[in-house]
Amino acid sequence: MPVSSPPAHRNPGFTLIELLVTLCIIGILALSAYPLYYTTVLKAKRAEAKTALLRAMQQQERYYSQHNRYRAYQGPSAGDDRGLIWFSADSAAASAYQISAAACRGQSLEQCVELSATPGGALVDSSYQDPLCGTLSLNSRGEKTAAGAPLEQAPDVCR
């Protein structure tokens, strides 16, 4: 029986063509996955803002029960003395929205307060923008808005 010899000059590994095809496939998959990832991040940030608005409204109601009026604020000066939250995440640097409170249009703080979650800003992540929903709002009457329009008229993703 003849003994077969190993093939000459055959190195194990990948060819350049195989590597380029693999890189192209990975690139196409990444390009198709990015929009879904971006949309998911936006939804998560909006949910964070809505939760922060509800927490801030609970704080406002506690304040109201003690002082018979709501409290207007904007920025960190509010949170320092009364513990009212002014950002949406665990810290201001990690927050996408800044929370502020003002009297409802045409009413006093004894009657109504409107909380607003504004995307981006100097005191929170200034690079974050939400062009679709914009500023989310909640007032003490329970009315919710996105970019000034009632949520019933806002896009589904803002609700």
C-alpha atoms as a PDB file:
ATOM      1  CA  MET A   1       0.000   0.000   0.000  1.00  0.00           C
ATOM      2  CA  PRO A   2       1.284   3.365  -0.917  1.00  0.00           C
ATOM      3  CA  VAL A   3       1.570   5.918   1.885  1.00  0.00           C
ATOM      4  CA  SER A   4      -0.026   9.241   1.044  1.00  0.00           C
ATOM      5  CA  SER A   5       1.884  12.337   1.872  1.00  0.00           C
ATOM      6  CA  PRO A   6       0.268  15.507   3.216  1.00  0.00           C
ATOM      7  CA  PRO A   7      -0.553  18.199   0.687  1.00  0.00           C
ATOM      8  CA  ALA A   8       2.299  20.576   0.136  1.00  0.00           C
ATOM      9  CA  HIS A   9       1.949  24.269   1.028  1.00  0.00           C
ATOM     10  CA  ARG A  10      -1.557  24.010   2.584  1.00  0.00           C
ATOM     11  CA  ASN A  11      -1.771  26.386   5.586  1.00  0.00           C
ATOM     12  CA  PRO A  12      -4.781  26.202   7.879  1.00  0.00           C
ATOM     13  CA  GLY A  13      -6.715  29.477   8.187  1.00  0.00           C
ATOM     14  CA  PHE A  14      -9.067  31.778   6.335  1.00  0.00           C
ATOM     15  CA  THR A  15      -8.568  33.337   2.953  1.00  0.00           C
ATOM     16  CA  LEU A  16      -8.869  37.057   2.389  1.00  0.00           C
ATOM     17  CA  ILE A  17     -12.117  36.539   0.463  1.00  0.00           C
ATOM     18  CA  GLU A  18     -13.670  34.621   3.365  1.00  0.00           C
ATOM     19  CA  LEU A  19     -12.718  37.391   5.807  1.00  0.00           C
ATOM     20  CA  LEU A  20     -14.130  40.127   3.556  1.00  0.00           C
ATOM     21  CA  VAL A  21     -17.426  38.256   3.094  1.00  0.00           C
ATOM     22  CA  THR A  22     -17.692  37.791   6.871  1.00  0.00           C
ATOM     23  CA  LEU A  23     -17.012  41.495   7.497  1.00  0.00           C
ATOM     24  CA  CYS A  24     -19.637  42.482   4.924  1.00  0.00           C
ATOM     25  CA  ILE A  25     -22.250  40.257   6.566  1.00  0.00           C
ATOM     26  CA  ILE A  26     -21.450  41.688  10.011  1.00  0.00           C
ATOM     27  CA  GLY A  27     -21.689  45.228   8.619  1.00  0.00           C
ATOM     28  CA  ILE A  28     -25.079  44.584   7.023  1.00  0.00           C
ATOM     29  CA  LEU A  29     -26.410  43.058  10.253  1.00  0.00           C
ATOM     30  CA  ALA A  30     -25.137  46.026  12.285  1.00  0.00           C
ATOM     31  CA  LEU A  31     -26.718  48.537   9.892  1.00  0.00           C
ATOM     32  CA  SER A  32     -30.071  46.801  10.079  1.00  0.00           C
ATOM     33  CA  ALA A  33     -29.974  46.464  13.888  1.00  0.00           C
ATOM     34  CA  TYR A  34     -29.019  50.089  14.694  1.00  0.00           C
ATOM     35  CA  PRO A  35     -32.433  51.698  13.985  1.00  0.00           C
ATOM     36  CA  LEU A  36     -34.131  49.153  16.234  1.00  0.00           C
ATOM     37  CA  TYR A  37     -31.570  49.798  18.965  1.00  0.00           C
ATOM     38  CA  TYR A  38     -32.015  53.599  18.664  1.00  0.00           C
ATOM     39  CA  THR A  39     -35.808  53.294  18.848  1.00  0.00           C
ATOM     40  CA  THR A  40     -35.538  51.097  21.927  1.00  0.00           C
ATOM     41  CA  VAL A  41     -33.255  53.628  23.637  1.00  0.00           C
ATOM     42  CA  LEU A  42     -35.725  56.452  22.897  1.00  0.00           C
ATOM     43  CA  LYS A  43     -38.617  54.421  24.325  1.00  0.00           C
ATOM     44  CA  ALA A  44     -36.620  53.653  27.460  1.00  0.00           C
ATOM     45  CA  LYS A  45     -35.731  57.331  27.971  1.00  0.00           C
ATOM     46  CA  ARG A  46     -39.380  58.356  27.501  1.00  0.00           C
ATOM     47  CA  ALA A  47     -40.488  55.749  30.044  1.00  0.00           C
ATOM     48  CA  GLU A  48     -37.858  57.105  32.427  1.00  0.00           C
ATOM     49  CA  ALA A  49     -39.258  60.630  31.983  1.00  0.00           C
ATOM     50  CA  LYS A  50     -42.850  59.501  32.552  1.00  0.00           C
ATOM     51  CA  THR A  51     -41.837  57.701  35.734  1.00  0.00           C
ATOM     52  CA  ALA A  52     -39.972  60.789  36.944  1.00  0.00           C
ATOM     53  CA  LEU A  53     -43.044  62.942  36.257  1.00  0.00           C
ATOM     54  CA  LEU A  54     -45.219  60.622  38.343  1.00  0.00           C
ATOM     55  CA  ARG A  55     -42.681  60.625  41.193  1.00  0.00           C
ATOM     56  CA  ALA A  56     -42.422  64.419  41.051  1.00  0.00           C
ATOM     57  CA  MET A  57     -46.218  64.712  41.112  1.00  0.00           C
ATOM     58  CA  GLN A  58     -46.341  62.519  44.219  1.00  0.00           C
ATOM     59  CA  GLN A  59     -43.818  64.838  45.845  1.00  0.00           C
ATOM     60  CA  GLN A  60     -45.913  67.853  44.803  1.00  0.00           C
ATOM     61  CA  GLU A  61     -49.048  66.312  46.322  1.00  0.00           C
ATOM     62  CA  ARG A  62     -47.222  65.700  49.607  1.00  0.00           C
ATOM     63  CA  TYR A  63     -46.024  69.311  49.543  1.00  0.00           C
ATOM     64  CA  TYR A  64     -49.574  70.470  48.813  1.00  0.00           C
ATOM     65  CA  SER A  65     -50.989  68.513  51.769  1.00  0.00           C
ATOM     66  CA  GLN A  66     -48.552  70.314  54.084  1.00  0.00           C
ATOM     67  CA  HIS A  67     -48.664  73.844  52.627  1.00  0.00           C
ATOM     68  CA  ASN A  68     -52.010  74.092  50.737  1.00  0.00           C
ATOM     69  CA  ARG A  69     -50.200  75.034  47.549  1.00  0.00           C
ATOM     70  CA  TYR A  70     -47.895  73.463  44.985  1.00  0.00           C
ATOM     71  CA  ARG A  71     -44.284  74.488  44.502  1.00  0.00           C
ATOM     72  CA  ALA A  72     -42.823  75.898  41.301  1.00  0.00           C
ATOM     73  CA  TYR A  73     -39.201  75.077  40.532  1.00  0.00           C
ATOM     74  CA  GLN A  74     -36.709  74.717  37.760  1.00  0.00           C
ATOM     75  CA  GLY A  75     -33.342  73.041  38.145  1.00  0.00           C
ATOM     76  CA  PRO A  76     -31.297  71.939  41.125  1.00  0.00           C
ATOM     77  CA  SER A  77     -32.318  74.715  43.533  1.00  0.00           C
ATOM     78  CA  ALA A  78     -35.675  72.966  43.980  1.00  0.00           C
ATOM     79  CA  GLY A  79     -34.254  69.612  44.888  1.00  0.00           C
ATOM     80  CA  ASP A  80     -31.793  70.977  47.427  1.00  0.00           C
ATOM     81  CA  ASP A  81     -34.194  72.207  50.091  1.00  0.00           C
ATOM     82  CA  ARG A  82     -37.296  70.035  49.701  1.00  0.00           C
ATOM     83  CA  GLY A  83     -36.041  66.904  47.965  1.00  0.00           C
ATOM     84  CA  LEU A  84     -38.111  67.583  44.835  1.00  0.00           C
ATOM     85  CA  ILE A  85     -36.647  65.747  41.868  1.00  0.00           C
ATOM     86  CA  TRP A  86     -35.532  67.796  38.874  1.00  0.00           C
ATOM     87  CA  PHE A  87     -33.935  65.088  36.705  1.00  0.00           C
ATOM     88  CA  SER A  88     -35.279  61.829  35.311  1.00  0.00           C
ATOM     89  CA  ALA A  89     -32.616  59.207  36.156  1.00  0.00           C
ATOM     90  CA  ASP A  90     -30.572  58.326  39.225  1.00  0.00           C
ATOM     91  CA  SER A  91     -28.242  61.286  38.679  1.00  0.00           C
ATOM     92  CA  ALA A  92     -28.369  64.511  36.699  1.00  0.00           C
ATOM     93  CA  ALA A  93     -25.448  63.479  34.487  1.00  0.00           C
ATOM     94  CA  ALA A  94     -27.205  60.232  33.495  1.00  0.00           C
ATOM     95  CA  SER A  95     -30.588  61.897  32.916  1.00  0.00           C
ATOM     96  CA  ALA A  96     -32.051  62.598  29.508  1.00  0.00           C
ATOM     97  CA  TYR A  97     -34.846  64.866  30.814  1.00  0.00           C
ATOM     98  CA  GLN A  98     -34.936  67.856  33.161  1.00  0.00           C
ATOM     99  CA  ILE A  99     -38.062  68.177  35.327  1.00  0.00           C
ATOM    100  CA  SER A 100     -39.573  71.565  36.163  1.00  0.00           C
ATOM    101  CA  ALA A 101     -42.801  72.724  37.798  1.00  0.00           C
ATOM    102  CA  ALA A 102     -44.936  75.819  37.174  1.00  0.00           C
ATOM    103  CA  ALA A 103     -48.493  76.923  37.720  1.00  0.00           C
ATOM    104  CA  CYS A 104     -50.963  75.682  35.123  1.00  0.00           C
ATOM    105  CA  ARG A 105     -51.830  78.213  32.452  1.00  0.00           C
ATOM    106  CA  GLY A 106     -54.221  80.822  33.833  1.00  0.00           C
ATOM    107  CA  GLN A 107     -54.210  79.404  37.374  1.00  0.00           C
ATOM    108  CA  SER A 108     -52.247  79.867  40.575  1.00  0.00           C
ATOM    109  CA  LEU A 109     -50.089  77.341  42.397  1.00  0.00           C
ATOM    110  CA  GLU A 110     -52.873  76.948  44.976  1.00  0.00           C
ATOM    111  CA  GLN A 111     -55.075  75.507  42.216  1.00  0.00           C
ATOM    112  CA  CYS A 112     -52.869  73.573  39.799  1.00  0.00           C
ATOM    113  CA  VAL A 113     -49.269  72.667  39.002  1.00  0.00           C
ATOM    114  CA  GLU A 114     -47.876  71.457  35.695  1.00  0.00           C
ATOM    115  CA  LEU A 115     -44.724  69.364  35.633  1.00  0.00           C
ATOM    116  CA  SER A 116     -42.654  69.276  32.447  1.00  0.00           C
ATOM    117  CA  ALA A 117     -39.919  66.856  31.384  1.00  0.00           C
ATOM    118  CA  THR A 118     -37.750  68.643  28.839  1.00  0.00           C
ATOM    119  CA  PRO A 119     -35.323  66.509  26.786  1.00  0.00           C
ATOM    120  CA  GLY A 120     -31.663  67.495  26.967  1.00  0.00           C
ATOM    121  CA  GLY A 121     -30.426  70.738  28.471  1.00  0.00           C
ATOM    122  CA  ALA A 122     -27.437  72.258  30.225  1.00  0.00           C
ATOM    123  CA  LEU A 123     -28.065  70.484  33.546  1.00  0.00           C
ATOM    124  CA  VAL A 124     -28.683  66.988  32.125  1.00  0.00           C
ATOM    125  CA  ASP A 125     -27.427  65.073  29.045  1.00  0.00           C
ATOM    126  CA  SER A 126     -27.413  67.918  26.524  1.00  0.00           C
ATOM    127  CA  SER A 127     -26.863  65.564  23.580  1.00  0.00           C
ATOM    128  CA  TYR A 128     -30.236  63.827  24.053  1.00  0.00           C
ATOM    129  CA  GLN A 129     -33.068  65.011  21.807  1.00  0.00           C
ATOM    130  CA  ASP A 130     -36.561  63.651  21.225  1.00  0.00           C
ATOM    131  CA  PRO A 131     -37.810  65.249  18.002  1.00  0.00           C
ATOM    132  CA  LEU A 132     -40.999  63.169  17.907  1.00  0.00           C
ATOM    133  CA  CYS A 133     -42.437  63.675  21.409  1.00  0.00           C
ATOM    134  CA  GLY A 134     -40.496  66.690  22.682  1.00  0.00           C
ATOM    135  CA  THR A 135     -41.438  67.928  26.148  1.00  0.00           C
ATOM    136  CA  LEU A 136     -43.677  65.601  28.167  1.00  0.00           C
ATOM    137  CA  SER A 137     -46.034  67.204  30.709  1.00  0.00           C
ATOM    138  CA  LEU A 138     -48.338  66.157  33.532  1.00  0.00           C
ATOM    139  CA  ASN A 139     -50.545  68.450  35.591  1.00  0.00           C
ATOM    140  CA  SER A 140     -52.238  67.994  38.950  1.00  0.00           C
ATOM    141  CA  ARG A 141     -55.566  67.353  37.217  1.00  0.00           C
ATOM    142  CA  GLY A 142     -54.031  64.249  35.607  1.00  0.00           C
ATOM    143  CA  GLU A 143     -53.818  65.665  32.078  1.00  0.00           C
ATOM    144  CA  LYS A 144     -50.801  64.444  30.101  1.00  0.00           C
ATOM    145  CA  THR A 145     -49.334  66.107  27.033  1.00  0.00           C
ATOM    146  CA  ALA A 146     -46.439  65.578  24.630  1.00  0.00           C
ATOM    147  CA  ALA A 147     -44.920  68.690  23.031  1.00  0.00           C
ATOM    148  CA  GLY A 148     -47.964  70.690  24.122  1.00  0.00           C
ATOM    149  CA  ALA A 149     -50.593  68.445  22.499  1.00  0.00           C
ATOM    150  CA  PRO A 150     -52.858  66.083  24.465  1.00  0.00           C
ATOM    151  CA  LEU A 151     -51.596  62.520  24.368  1.00  0.00           C
ATOM    152  CA  GLU A 152     -54.672  61.416  22.422  1.00  0.00           C
ATOM    153  CA  GLN A 153     -53.402  63.561  19.537  1.00  0.00           C
ATOM    154  CA  ALA A 154     -49.719  62.638  19.983  1.00  0.00           C
ATOM    155  CA  PRO A 155     -48.065  59.742  18.133  1.00  0.00           C
ATOM    156  CA  ASP A 156     -48.527  56.307  19.706  1.00  0.00           C
ATOM    157  CA  VAL A 157     -44.893  56.129  20.801  1.00  0.00           C
ATOM    158  CA  CYS A 158     -45.381  59.175  23.052  1.00  0.00           C
ATOM    159  CA  ARG A 159     -48.188  57.627  25.085  1.00  0.00           C
END
